[in-house]
C-alpha atoms as a PDB file:
ATOM      1  CA  MET A   1     -36.838  -6.475  12.673  1.00  0.00           C
ATOM      2  CA  THR A   2     -35.457  -3.536  10.267  1.00  0.00           C
ATOM      3  CA  VAL A   3     -32.267  -1.947  11.025  1.00  0.00           C
ATOM      4  CA  LYS A   4     -31.564   0.666   8.038  1.00  0.00           C
ATOM      5  CA  PHE A   5     -27.648   1.806   7.685  1.00  0.00           C
ATOM      6  CA  LYS A   6     -27.463   5.448   7.359  1.00  0.00           C
ATOM      7  CA  MET A   7     -24.253   7.105   6.317  1.00  0.00           C
ATOM      8  CA  TRP A   8     -22.356   9.266   8.531  1.00  0.00           C
ATOM      9  CA  SER A   9     -24.626   7.861  11.288  1.00  0.00           C
ATOM     10  CA  PRO A  10     -23.476   7.050  14.526  1.00  0.00           C
ATOM     11  CA  PHE A  11     -23.179   3.537  13.951  1.00  0.00           C
ATOM     12  CA  HIS A  12     -21.150   4.410  10.372  1.00  0.00           C
ATOM     13  CA  TYR A  13     -18.781   6.547  12.606  1.00  0.00           C
ATOM     14  CA  PHE A  14     -18.326   3.444  14.855  1.00  0.00           C
ATOM     15  CA  MET A  15     -17.179   1.409  11.672  1.00  0.00           C
ATOM     16  CA  ILE A  16     -14.472   3.742  10.975  1.00  0.00           C
ATOM     17  CA  ILE A  17     -13.227   4.371  14.464  1.00  0.00           C
ATOM     18  CA  PHE A  18     -13.332   1.231  15.795  1.00  0.00           C
ATOM     19  CA  PRO A  19     -11.220  -0.923  13.879  1.00  0.00           C
ATOM     20  CA  PHE A  20      -8.321   1.339  14.931  1.00  0.00           C
ATOM     21  CA  VAL A  21      -9.114   0.782  18.503  1.00  0.00           C
ATOM     22  CA  LEU A  22      -9.243  -2.560  18.389  1.00  0.00           C
ATOM     23  CA  ALA A  23      -5.771  -2.758  16.581  1.00  0.00           C
ATOM     24  CA  LEU A  24      -4.478  -0.171  18.901  1.00  0.00           C
ATOM     25  CA  ILE A  25      -5.916  -2.245  22.097  1.00  0.00           C
ATOM     26  CA  LEU A  26      -4.135  -5.505  20.778  1.00  0.00           C
ATOM     27  CA  TYR A  27      -0.984  -3.778  20.047  1.00  0.00           C
ATOM     28  CA  PHE A  28      -0.862  -2.346  23.554  1.00  0.00           C
ATOM     29  CA  PHE A  29      -1.527  -5.520  25.107  1.00  0.00           C
ATOM     30  CA  THR A  30       0.762  -7.503  23.323  1.00  0.00           C
ATOM     31  CA  LYS A  31       3.634  -5.265  22.297  1.00  0.00           C
ATOM     32  CA  ASP A  32       5.890  -6.283  24.589  1.00  0.00           C
ATOM     33  CA  LYS A  33       5.540 -10.174  23.969  1.00  0.00           C
ATOM     34  CA  ALA A  34       7.356 -12.470  21.432  1.00  0.00           C
ATOM     35  CA  GLU A  35       6.788 -12.691  17.844  1.00  0.00           C
ATOM     36  CA  LYS A  36       4.762 -15.839  18.313  1.00  0.00           C
ATOM     37  CA  THR A  37       2.349 -14.079  20.287  1.00  0.00           C
ATOM     38  CA  HIS A  38       2.096 -11.639  17.306  1.00  0.00           C
ATOM     39  CA  ARG A  39       1.391 -14.259  14.989  1.00  0.00           C
ATOM     40  CA  ARG A  40      -1.158 -16.081  16.601  1.00  0.00           C
ATOM     41  CA  VAL A  41      -3.197 -12.989  17.156  1.00  0.00           C
ATOM     42  CA  THR A  42      -2.813 -12.185  13.298  1.00  0.00           C
ATOM     43  CA  VAL A  43      -3.736 -15.864  12.667  1.00  0.00           C
ATOM     44  CA  VAL A  44      -7.039 -15.601  14.557  1.00  0.00           C
ATOM     45  CA  LEU A  45      -8.048 -12.220  13.374  1.00  0.00           C
ATOM     46  CA  SER A  46      -7.128 -13.733   9.733  1.00  0.00           C
ATOM     47  CA  ILE A  47      -9.117 -16.951  10.518  1.00  0.00           C
ATOM     48  CA  VAL A  48     -12.083 -14.895  11.596  1.00  0.00           C
ATOM     49  CA  MET A  49     -11.882 -12.727   8.393  1.00  0.00           C
ATOM     50  CA  ILE A  50     -11.956 -16.023   6.090  1.00  0.00           C
ATOM     51  CA  ALA A  51     -15.082 -17.531   7.931  1.00  0.00           C
ATOM     52  CA  VAL A  52     -16.709 -14.451   7.590  1.00  0.00           C
ATOM     53  CA  LEU A  53     -16.057 -14.181   3.640  1.00  0.00           C
ATOM     54  CA  ILE A  54     -16.935 -18.341   3.531  1.00  0.00           C
ATOM     55  CA  MET A  55     -20.356 -17.715   5.473  1.00  0.00           C
ATOM     56  CA  ARG A  56     -20.912 -14.710   3.107  1.00  0.00           C
ATOM     57  CA  ASN A  57     -20.187 -16.382   0.101  1.00  0.00           C
ATOM     58  CA  THR A  58     -22.077 -19.719   1.269  1.00  0.00           C
ATOM     59  CA  TYR A  59     -25.060 -17.347   1.809  1.00  0.00           C
ATOM     60  CA  ILE A  60     -24.827 -15.701  -1.604  1.00  0.00           C
ATOM     61  CA  TRP A  61     -24.510 -19.701  -3.247  1.00  0.00           C
ATOM     62  CA  VAL A  62     -27.407 -20.678  -1.551  1.00  0.00           C
ATOM     63  CA  ASN A  63     -29.698 -17.384  -1.830  1.00  0.00           C
ATOM     64  CA  LYS A  64     -28.728 -17.506  -5.575  1.00  0.00           C
ATOM     65  CA  GLY A  65     -29.214 -20.771  -6.394  1.00  0.00           C
ATOM     66  CA  GLY A  66     -25.759 -21.323  -7.321  1.00  0.00           C
ATOM     67  CA  PRO A  67     -22.509 -19.925  -8.608  1.00  0.00           C
ATOM     68  CA  ASN A  68     -22.302 -16.480  -9.744  1.00  0.00           C
ATOM     69  CA  PRO A  69     -19.139 -13.820  -9.642  1.00  0.00           C
ATOM     70  CA  GLU A  70     -20.115 -12.938  -5.845  1.00  0.00           C
ATOM     71  CA  VAL A  71     -18.374 -16.449  -4.760  1.00  0.00           C
ATOM     72  CA  PHE A  72     -15.340 -16.113  -6.557  1.00  0.00           C
ATOM     73  CA  PRO A  73     -12.945 -14.318  -4.076  1.00  0.00           C
ATOM     74  CA  PHE A  74     -11.340 -11.982  -6.779  1.00  0.00           C
ATOM     75  CA  GLN A  75     -12.322  -8.657  -5.472  1.00  0.00           C
ATOM     76  CA  ILE A  76      -9.510  -6.589  -3.674  1.00  0.00           C
ATOM     77  CA  CYS A  77     -11.056  -6.895  -0.328  1.00  0.00           C
ATOM     78  CA  HIS A  78     -12.277 -10.128  -0.744  1.00  0.00           C
ATOM     79  CA  PHE A  79      -8.673 -11.630  -1.678  1.00  0.00           C
ATOM     80  CA  GLY A  80      -7.536  -9.423   1.082  1.00  0.00           C
ATOM     81  CA  ASN A  81      -9.099 -12.006   3.930  1.00  0.00           C
ATOM     82  CA  PHE A  82      -6.603 -13.868   2.620  1.00  0.00           C
ATOM     83  CA  MET A  83      -3.981 -11.774   1.917  1.00  0.00           C
ATOM     84  CA  PHE A  84      -2.805 -10.898   5.587  1.00  0.00           C
ATOM     85  CA  LEU A  85      -2.672 -14.625   6.676  1.00  0.00           C
ATOM     86  CA  ILE A  86      -0.580 -15.411   3.429  1.00  0.00           C
ATOM     87  CA  ALA A  87       1.947 -12.533   3.981  1.00  0.00           C
ATOM     88  CA  LEU A  88       2.246 -13.915   7.818  1.00  0.00           C
ATOM     89  CA  LEU A  89       2.887 -17.446   6.785  1.00  0.00           C
ATOM     90  CA  ALA A  90       4.915 -16.745   3.826  1.00  0.00           C
ATOM     91  CA  ARG A  91       7.148 -13.977   5.420  1.00  0.00           C
ATOM     92  CA  ASP A  92       7.630 -12.550   2.431  1.00  0.00           C
ATOM     93  CA  LYS A  93       8.207  -8.948   1.839  1.00  0.00           C
ATOM     94  CA  VAL A  94       5.913  -8.696  -1.440  1.00  0.00           C
ATOM     95  CA  TRP A  95       2.595 -10.602   0.127  1.00  0.00           C
ATOM     96  CA  GLY A  96       3.135  -7.899   2.508  1.00  0.00           C
ATOM     97  CA  THR A  97       3.236  -5.143   0.606  1.00  0.00           C
ATOM     98  CA  ILE A  98       0.101  -6.219  -1.613  1.00  0.00           C
ATOM     99  CA  ALA A  99      -1.653  -6.537   2.168  1.00  0.00           C
ATOM    100  CA  TRP A 100      -0.131  -2.784   3.430  1.00  0.00           C
ATOM    101  CA  CYS A 101      -0.769  -1.122   0.414  1.00  0.00           C
ATOM    102  CA  LEU A 102      -3.533  -2.486  -1.547  1.00  0.00           C
ATOM    103  CA  ASN A 103      -5.764  -4.662   0.665  1.00  0.00           C
ATOM    104  CA  PHE A 104      -5.412  -2.264   3.890  1.00  0.00           C
ATOM    105  CA  PRO A 105      -6.666   1.111   2.024  1.00  0.00           C
ATOM    106  CA  ALA A 106      -9.197  -0.963   0.034  1.00  0.00           C
ATOM    107  CA  GLY A 107     -10.743  -2.048   3.359  1.00  0.00           C
ATOM    108  CA  LEU A 108     -10.478   1.414   5.001  1.00  0.00           C
ATOM    109  CA  VAL A 109     -12.040   2.799   1.763  1.00  0.00           C
ATOM    110  CA  SER A 110     -14.912   0.796   2.216  1.00  0.00           C
ATOM    111  CA  VAL A 111     -15.240   1.247   5.436  1.00  0.00           C
ATOM    112  CA  ILE A 112     -15.795   5.137   5.012  1.00  0.00           C
ATOM    113  CA  PHE A 113     -17.509   4.902   1.792  1.00  0.00           C
ATOM    114  CA  ALA A 114     -20.136   2.442   2.856  1.00  0.00           C
ATOM    115  CA  ASP A 115     -22.978   3.886   0.398  1.00  0.00           C
ATOM    116  CA  GLY A 116     -23.341   0.173  -0.854  1.00  0.00           C
ATOM    117  CA  LEU A 117     -24.571  -0.529   2.565  1.00  0.00           C
ATOM    118  CA  GLU A 118     -27.683   1.800   2.594  1.00  0.00           C
ATOM    119  CA  ALA A 119     -28.296   1.312  -1.275  1.00  0.00           C
ATOM    120  CA  ASN A 120     -28.130  -2.311  -1.003  1.00  0.00           C
ATOM    121  CA  TYR A 121     -29.534  -3.999   1.668  1.00  0.00           C
ATOM    122  CA  ALA A 122     -33.082  -2.800   3.290  1.00  0.00           C
ATOM    123  CA  THR A 123     -31.880  -3.924   6.936  1.00  0.00           C
ATOM    124  CA  LEU A 124     -28.191  -4.581   8.217  1.00  0.00           C
ATOM    125  CA  ILE A 125     -29.729  -7.941   9.694  1.00  0.00           C
ATOM    126  CA  ASN A 126     -28.540  -9.648   6.850  1.00  0.00           C
ATOM    127  CA  PRO A 127     -25.808 -11.978   6.564  1.00  0.00           C
ATOM    128  CA  GLN A 128     -24.432 -10.299   3.619  1.00  0.00           C
ATOM    129  CA  ALA A 129     -24.514  -6.867   5.162  1.00  0.00           C
ATOM    130  CA  ILE A 130     -22.805  -8.116   8.412  1.00  0.00           C
ATOM    131  CA  ALA A 131     -20.155  -9.800   6.344  1.00  0.00           C
ATOM    132  CA  TYR A 132     -19.207  -6.539   4.604  1.00  0.00           C
ATOM    133  CA  ILE A 133     -19.113  -4.802   7.955  1.00  0.00           C
ATOM    134  CA  ALA A 134     -17.259  -7.510   9.933  1.00  0.00           C
ATOM    135  CA  GLY A 135     -14.732  -8.354   7.086  1.00  0.00           C
ATOM    136  CA  HIS A 136     -13.659  -4.564   6.113  1.00  0.00           C
ATOM    137  CA  MET A 137     -13.060  -3.661   9.873  1.00  0.00           C
ATOM    138  CA  LEU A 138     -11.059  -6.439  10.302  1.00  0.00           C
ATOM    139  CA  ILE A 139      -9.304  -5.898   7.134  1.00  0.00           C
ATOM    140  CA  VAL A 140      -8.136  -2.493   8.596  1.00  0.00           C
ATOM    141  CA  THR A 141      -7.601  -3.740  11.913  1.00  0.00           C
ATOM    142  CA  THR A 142      -5.166  -6.833  10.963  1.00  0.00           C
ATOM    143  CA  GLY A 143      -3.229  -4.718   8.798  1.00  0.00           C
ATOM    144  CA  LEU A 144      -2.620  -1.834  11.147  1.00  0.00           C
ATOM    145  CA  TYR A 145      -1.729  -4.758  14.011  1.00  0.00           C
ATOM    146  CA  MET A 146       0.749  -6.385  11.639  1.00  0.00           C
ATOM    147  CA  LEU A 147       2.513  -2.915  10.523  1.00  0.00           C
ATOM    148  CA  LEU A 148       2.853  -1.913  14.406  1.00  0.00           C
ATOM    149  CA  THR A 149       4.154  -5.111  15.358  1.00  0.00           C
ATOM    150  CA  GLY A 150       6.741  -5.519  12.591  1.00  0.00           C
ATOM    151  CA  LEU A 151       5.271  -8.563  10.834  1.00  0.00           C
ATOM    152  CA  ILE A 152       4.750  -6.459   7.613  1.00  0.00           C
ATOM    153  CA  ARG A 153       8.341  -5.043   5.713  1.00  0.00           C
ATOM    154  CA  ILE A 154       8.358  -3.468   2.809  1.00  0.00           C
ATOM    155  CA  ASP A 155      11.303  -2.098   0.783  1.00  0.00           C
ATOM    156  CA  ARG A 156      11.230  -0.719  -2.875  1.00  0.00           C
ATOM    157  CA  ARG A 157      11.951  -3.584  -4.607  1.00  0.00           C
ATOM    158  CA  SER A 158       8.526  -5.105  -2.848  1.00  0.00           C
ATOM    159  CA  LEU A 159       6.985  -1.902  -3.838  1.00  0.00           C
ATOM    160  CA  LEU A 160       8.200  -2.466  -7.279  1.00  0.00           C
ATOM    161  CA  LYS A 161       7.365  -5.917  -7.225  1.00  0.00           C
ATOM    162  CA  MET A 162       3.520  -5.147  -5.738  1.00  0.00           C
ATOM    163  CA  TYR A 163       2.928  -2.422  -8.521  1.00  0.00           C
ATOM    164  CA  GLY A 164       3.736  -5.078 -11.327  1.00  0.00           C
ATOM    165  CA  LEU A 165       1.337  -7.321  -9.755  1.00  0.00           C
ATOM    166  CA  ALA A 166      -1.428  -5.235  -9.093  1.00  0.00           C
ATOM    167  CA  GLY A 167      -1.310  -3.852 -12.406  1.00  0.00           C
ATOM    168  CA  LEU A 168      -1.605  -7.221 -13.975  1.00  0.00           C
ATOM    169  CA  GLY A 169      -4.444  -8.019 -11.565  1.00  0.00           C
ATOM    170  CA  TYR A 170      -6.045  -4.919 -12.990  1.00  0.00           C
ATOM    171  CA  VAL A 171      -5.705  -5.432 -16.709  1.00  0.00           C
ATOM    172  CA  LEU A 172      -7.074  -9.345 -16.133  1.00  0.00           C
ATOM    173  CA  SER A 173      -9.887  -7.955 -14.050  1.00  0.00           C
ATOM    174  CA  VAL A 174     -10.968  -6.328 -17.393  1.00  0.00           C
ATOM    175  CA  LEU A 175     -11.031  -9.610 -19.041  1.00  0.00           C
ATOM    176  CA  VAL A 176     -12.287 -11.640 -16.325  1.00  0.00           C
ATOM    177  CA  ASN A 177     -15.236  -9.507 -15.671  1.00  0.00           C
ATOM    178  CA  ASN A 178     -16.532  -9.387 -19.503  1.00  0.00           C
ATOM    179  CA  TRP A 179     -16.114 -13.368 -19.129  1.00  0.00           C
ATOM    180  CA  PHE A 180     -17.741 -13.718 -15.732  1.00  0.00           C
ATOM    181  CA  ASN A 181     -20.714 -11.456 -16.969  1.00  0.00           C
ATOM    182  CA  LYS A 182     -21.412 -13.349 -19.969  1.00  0.00           C
ATOM    183  CA  LEU A 183     -20.809 -16.570 -18.302  1.00  0.00           C
ATOM    184  CA  PHE A 184     -23.383 -15.467 -15.354  1.00  0.00           C
ATOM    185  CA  ALA A 185     -25.742 -13.423 -16.960  1.00  0.00           C
ATOM    186  CA  HIS A 186     -28.749 -15.784 -15.891  1.00  0.00           C
ATOM    187  CA  THR A 187     -27.964 -14.556 -12.468  1.00  0.00           C
ATOM    188  CA  GLY A 188     -28.495 -11.192 -12.765  1.00  0.00           C
ATOM    189  CA  VAL A 189     -25.077 -10.709 -10.825  1.00  0.00           C
ATOM    190  CA  ASP A 190     -22.441  -8.577 -12.166  1.00  0.00           C
ATOM    191  CA  ALA A 191     -18.659  -9.207 -11.956  1.00  0.00           C
ATOM    192  CA  ASN A 192     -17.130  -6.227 -10.975  1.00  0.00           C
ATOM    193  CA  TYR A 193     -13.497  -7.316  -9.337  1.00  0.00           C
ATOM    194  CA  PHE A 194     -10.986  -4.448  -9.024  1.00  0.00           C
ATOM    195  CA  TYR A 195     -14.199  -2.108  -9.701  1.00  0.00           C
ATOM    196  CA  SER A 196     -12.655  -1.903 -13.230  1.00  0.00           C
ATOM    197  CA  TYR A 197     -16.076  -2.940 -14.942  1.00  0.00           C
ATOM    198  CA  LYS A 198     -18.106  -0.009 -13.293  1.00  0.00           C
ATOM    199  CA  PRO A 199     -17.705   1.977 -10.187  1.00  0.00           C
ATOM    200  CA  GLU A 200     -19.641   0.928  -6.754  1.00  0.00           C
ATOM    201  CA  ALA A 201     -22.449   3.796  -6.788  1.00  0.00           C
ATOM    202  CA  GLY A 202     -22.010   6.721  -4.815  1.00  0.00           C
ATOM    203  CA  THR A 203     -18.320   6.503  -4.559  1.00  0.00           C
ATOM    204  CA  PRO A 204     -15.706   8.859  -5.832  1.00  0.00           C
ATOM    205  CA  LEU A 205     -15.267   6.259  -8.846  1.00  0.00           C
ATOM    206  CA  GLU A 206     -18.158   7.112 -10.549  1.00  0.00           C
ATOM    207  CA  THR A 207     -17.003  10.490 -11.192  1.00  0.00           C
ATOM    208  CA  MET A 208     -14.288   9.088 -12.828  1.00  0.00           C
ATOM    209  CA  PHE A 209     -16.465   6.689 -15.061  1.00  0.00           C
ATOM    210  CA  ASN A 210     -18.856   9.477 -15.657  1.00  0.00           C
ATOM    211  CA  MET A 211     -15.786  11.345 -17.430  1.00  0.00           C
ATOM    212  CA  GLY A 212     -15.125   8.557 -19.791  1.00  0.00           C
ATOM    213  CA  THR A 213     -16.914   6.684 -22.570  1.00  0.00           C
ATOM    214  CA  SER A 214     -17.132   2.698 -22.613  1.00  0.00           C
ATOM    215  CA  TYR A 215     -16.467   0.857 -25.988  1.00  0.00           C
ATOM    216  CA  THR A 216     -16.933  -2.556 -26.858  1.00  0.00           C
ATOM    217  CA  ILE A 217     -13.803  -4.263 -29.048  1.00  0.00           C
ATOM    218  CA  ALA A 218     -13.712  -7.974 -29.657  1.00  0.00           C
ATOM    219  CA  GLY A 219     -16.536  -8.642 -27.116  1.00  0.00           C
ATOM    220  CA  ILE A 220     -14.517  -6.739 -24.203  1.00  0.00           C
ATOM    221  CA  THR A 221     -16.442  -3.572 -22.661  1.00  0.00           C
ATOM    222  CA  PHE A 222     -14.075  -1.064 -20.811  1.00  0.00           C
ATOM    223  CA  ASN A 223     -14.216   2.616 -20.301  1.00  0.00           C
ATOM    224  CA  PRO A 224     -10.297   3.479 -21.070  1.00  0.00           C
ATOM    225  CA  VAL A 225     -10.604   6.791 -19.360  1.00  0.00           C
ATOM    226  CA  TYR A 226     -12.106   5.650 -16.338  1.00  0.00           C
ATOM    227  CA  LEU A 227      -9.366   2.782 -16.300  1.00  0.00           C
ATOM    228  CA  LEU A 228      -6.661   4.823 -16.570  1.00  0.00           C
ATOM    229  CA  LEU A 229      -7.679   7.679 -14.080  1.00  0.00           C
ATOM    230  CA  VAL A 230      -8.216   4.501 -11.437  1.00  0.00           C
ATOM    231  CA  ALA A 231      -5.105   3.091 -12.432  1.00  0.00           C
ATOM    232  CA  ALA A 232      -3.294   6.486 -11.509  1.00  0.00           C
ATOM    233  CA  VAL A 233      -5.271   7.126  -8.288  1.00  0.00           C
ATOM    234  CA  ALA A 234      -3.876   3.579  -7.169  1.00  0.00           C
ATOM    235  CA  ALA A 235      -0.270   4.148  -8.242  1.00  0.00           C
ATOM    236  CA  VAL A 236      -0.362   7.545  -5.847  1.00  0.00           C
ATOM    237  CA  LEU A 237      -2.322   5.612  -3.259  1.00  0.00           C
ATOM    238  CA  PHE A 238       0.347   2.886  -2.945  1.00  0.00           C
ATOM    239  CA  MET A 239       2.956   5.599  -2.772  1.00  0.00           C
ATOM    240  CA  VAL A 240       0.896   7.131   0.152  1.00  0.00           C
ATOM    241  CA  MET A 241       0.764   3.841   2.172  1.00  0.00           C
ATOM    242  CA  TYR A 242       4.284   3.298   1.343  1.00  0.00           C
ATOM    243  CA  GLY A 243       4.929   6.876   3.092  1.00  0.00           C
ATOM    244  CA  PHE A 244       2.829   5.667   6.020  1.00  0.00           C
ATOM    245  CA  TYR A 245       4.655   2.667   6.396  1.00  0.00           C
ATOM    246  CA  THR A 246       8.382   4.566   6.319  1.00  0.00           C
ATOM    247  CA  LEU A 247       6.966   7.213   8.881  1.00  0.00           C
ATOM    248  CA  ALA A 248       5.886   4.188  11.064  1.00  0.00           C
ATOM    249  CA  GLU A 249       9.048   2.331  10.850  1.00  0.00           C
ATOM    250  CA  PRO A 250      11.273   3.874  13.664  1.00  0.00           C
ATOM    251  CA  ALA A 251       8.688   2.584  16.028  1.00  0.00           C
ATOM    252  CA  ARG A 252       8.274  -1.010  14.971  1.00  0.00           C
ATOM    253  CA  PRO A 253      10.615  -3.754  16.322  1.00  0.00           C
ATOM    254  CA  ARG A 254      13.325  -4.884  14.209  1.00  0.00           C
ATOM    255  CA  LYS A 255      13.532  -8.236  15.382  1.00  0.00           C
ATOM    256  CA  TYR A 256      11.624 -10.559  13.029  1.00  0.00           C
ATOM    257  CA  THR A 257      12.956 -11.849   9.579  1.00  0.00           C
ATOM    258  CA  VAL A 258      10.671 -11.754   6.361  1.00  0.00           C
ATOM    259  CA  LYS A 259      11.962 -12.675   3.107  1.00  0.00           C
ATOM    260  CA  ALA A 260      12.495 -10.622   0.128  1.00  0.00           C
ATOM    261  CA  LYS A 261      12.802 -12.440  -3.106  1.00  0.00           C
ATOM    262  CA  ALA A 262      15.518 -11.667  -5.588  1.00  0.00           C
END
């Protein structure tokens, strides 16, 4: 059976809308419950996300006959499957800031600009395609639910630390992508963590990539114009997400304790 994905089809709109609907439904039925209920809901959502990622990576490992860049959860949305659970268990503002400002918008963008589903899969009846859909939708649902229930707390200090950690991860991704692409060249699968090696085809990142030129220095290939443009867009996006957080803050409960590192 072949079920081909089409951009801006009714199913695509369902992918975009349903995560918000599910988060609001969960919030509506649990908003007056104790913190432990909110935490349990988040744990369940996180476990399902992680299970979906494990299923995806196992399928790719078996299908490719061994390890390759796709089975390492270094992509933003892939480690995002763990980030919400880490933020929940650690009760730490920095992890929560990363989850909301980095992983949530990455998941949302992947749902909206789902060109990869159309270009890479002949049918949606495929474990990898199903994982793409379910994983990104759950990132959006979990992030929004945690925000609404007050399980995510952000302040300026945690935001600044998030900028530093995200920047470090971005720089390291350039090196790791190049190293992995040499190490796993025989697999035919490219490492493209943080999309710092090349853009996803059909996305706005492709336009930014074409504005620059790739260079190879000391064995490391990179496109400086593309990297700087993506970094600038990400920096603005983080502030926008922080703005959404502050707008929603008056409606959130204040009874939870979240640690902030000194």
